[in-house]
């Protein structure tokens, strides 16, 4: 399950909501230095990735695995 929240500054919101909910920032998939690198490996064109997008985590996960993934 995933909850997606549209916001102007996702990286700031990630820090706030991770702390508020006891979540952790979701690391990029294994073998990738960032989410941006992962998306580029999947073939997402650079012009489709806004500046800074994926350079820092934009999603948080419940470390217990019970709560939904939250993508900001």
C-alpha atoms as a PDB file:
ATOM      1  CA  UNK A   1       0.000   0.000   0.000  1.00  0.00           C
ATOM      2  CA  UNK A   2       1.202   3.521  -0.740  1.00  0.00           C
ATOM      3  CA  UNK A   3      -0.033   6.988   0.070  1.00  0.00           C
ATOM      4  CA  UNK A   4       1.031   9.773  -2.292  1.00  0.00           C
ATOM      5  CA  UNK A   5       0.962  13.403  -1.178  1.00  0.00           C
ATOM      6  CA  UNK A   6       1.515  16.210  -3.690  1.00  0.00           C
ATOM      7  CA  UNK A   7       3.658  18.987  -2.245  1.00  0.00           C
ATOM      8  CA  UNK A   8       6.048  21.694  -3.399  1.00  0.00           C
ATOM      9  CA  UNK A   9       9.052  20.675  -1.275  1.00  0.00           C
ATOM     10  CA  UNK A  10       8.988  16.899  -0.775  1.00  0.00           C
ATOM     11  CA  UNK A  11      12.426  16.615   0.813  1.00  0.00           C
ATOM     12  CA  UNK A  12      11.448  19.003   3.631  1.00  0.00           C
ATOM     13  CA  UNK A  13       8.210  17.117   4.145  1.00  0.00           C
ATOM     14  CA  UNK A  14      10.054  13.779   4.217  1.00  0.00           C
ATOM     15  CA  UNK A  15      12.113  14.941   7.180  1.00  0.00           C
ATOM     16  CA  UNK A  16       9.047  16.267   9.035  1.00  0.00           C
ATOM     17  CA  UNK A  17       6.751  13.280   8.460  1.00  0.00           C
ATOM     18  CA  UNK A  18       9.441  10.687   9.097  1.00  0.00           C
ATOM     19  CA  UNK A  19      10.030  12.232  12.509  1.00  0.00           C
ATOM     20  CA  UNK A  20       6.327  12.728  13.242  1.00  0.00           C
ATOM     21  CA  UNK A  21       5.324   9.174  12.311  1.00  0.00           C
ATOM     22  CA  UNK A  22       8.413   7.271  13.427  1.00  0.00           C
ATOM     23  CA  UNK A  23       9.144   6.347   9.806  1.00  0.00           C
ATOM     24  CA  UNK A  24      12.519   6.288   8.050  1.00  0.00           C
ATOM     25  CA  UNK A  25      13.595   7.707   4.725  1.00  0.00           C
ATOM     26  CA  UNK A  26      13.328   5.048   2.044  1.00  0.00           C
ATOM     27  CA  UNK A  27      16.772   4.239   0.646  1.00  0.00           C
ATOM     28  CA  UNK A  28      17.233   3.849  -3.104  1.00  0.00           C
ATOM     29  CA  UNK A  29      17.188   0.310  -4.513  1.00  0.00           C
ATOM     30  CA  UNK A  30      20.372  -1.715  -4.091  1.00  0.00           C
ATOM     31  CA  UNK A  31      23.135  -0.773  -6.477  1.00  0.00           C
ATOM     32  CA  UNK A  32      21.950   2.826  -6.915  1.00  0.00           C
ATOM     33  CA  UNK A  33      23.412   5.893  -5.222  1.00  0.00           C
ATOM     34  CA  UNK A  34      20.087   7.766  -5.394  1.00  0.00           C
ATOM     35  CA  UNK A  35      16.503   7.441  -6.565  1.00  0.00           C
ATOM     36  CA  UNK A  36      17.433   9.698  -9.498  1.00  0.00           C
ATOM     37  CA  UNK A  37      20.121   7.205 -10.581  1.00  0.00           C
ATOM     38  CA  UNK A  38      17.583   4.380 -10.271  1.00  0.00           C
ATOM     39  CA  UNK A  39      14.993   6.218 -12.365  1.00  0.00           C
ATOM     40  CA  UNK A  40      17.615   7.053 -14.993  1.00  0.00           C
ATOM     41  CA  UNK A  41      18.619   3.368 -15.138  1.00  0.00           C
ATOM     42  CA  UNK A  42      14.961   2.561 -15.777  1.00  0.00           C
ATOM     43  CA  UNK A  43      15.046   4.917 -18.755  1.00  0.00           C
ATOM     44  CA  UNK A  44      13.359   8.027 -17.367  1.00  0.00           C
ATOM     45  CA  UNK A  45      14.653  10.930 -19.448  1.00  0.00           C
ATOM     46  CA  UNK A  46      16.508  13.749 -17.685  1.00  0.00           C
ATOM     47  CA  UNK A  47      13.976  16.292 -18.978  1.00  0.00           C
ATOM     48  CA  UNK A  48      11.244  14.410 -17.090  1.00  0.00           C
ATOM     49  CA  UNK A  49      13.122  14.726 -13.782  1.00  0.00           C
ATOM     50  CA  UNK A  50      12.930  18.209 -12.247  1.00  0.00           C
ATOM     51  CA  UNK A  51      16.183  19.582 -10.812  1.00  0.00           C
ATOM     52  CA  UNK A  52      16.939  17.836  -7.532  1.00  0.00           C
ATOM     53  CA  UNK A  53      14.262  15.190  -8.031  1.00  0.00           C
ATOM     54  CA  UNK A  54      15.412  11.912  -6.539  1.00  0.00           C
ATOM     55  CA  UNK A  55      18.739  13.292  -5.318  1.00  0.00           C
ATOM     56  CA  UNK A  56      17.414  12.918  -1.755  1.00  0.00           C
ATOM     57  CA  UNK A  57      14.693  10.484  -0.646  1.00  0.00           C
ATOM     58  CA  UNK A  58      11.143  11.602  -1.412  1.00  0.00           C
ATOM     59  CA  UNK A  59       9.449   8.695   0.323  1.00  0.00           C
ATOM     60  CA  UNK A  60       9.309   7.266   3.810  1.00  0.00           C
ATOM     61  CA  UNK A  61       8.575   3.783   5.082  1.00  0.00           C
ATOM     62  CA  UNK A  62       7.426   2.278   8.336  1.00  0.00           C
ATOM     63  CA  UNK A  63      10.424   0.378   9.752  1.00  0.00           C
ATOM     64  CA  UNK A  64       8.020  -2.187  11.241  1.00  0.00           C
ATOM     65  CA  UNK A  65       6.471  -2.853   7.817  1.00  0.00           C
ATOM     66  CA  UNK A  66       2.926  -2.278   9.096  1.00  0.00           C
ATOM     67  CA  UNK A  67       2.193   1.215   7.789  1.00  0.00           C
ATOM     68  CA  UNK A  68       1.946   2.329   4.174  1.00  0.00           C
ATOM     69  CA  UNK A  69       4.824   3.749   2.164  1.00  0.00           C
ATOM     70  CA  UNK A  70       4.363   7.505   1.902  1.00  0.00           C
ATOM     71  CA  UNK A  71       5.632   9.248  -1.210  1.00  0.00           C
ATOM     72  CA  UNK A  72       5.742  13.029  -1.074  1.00  0.00           C
END
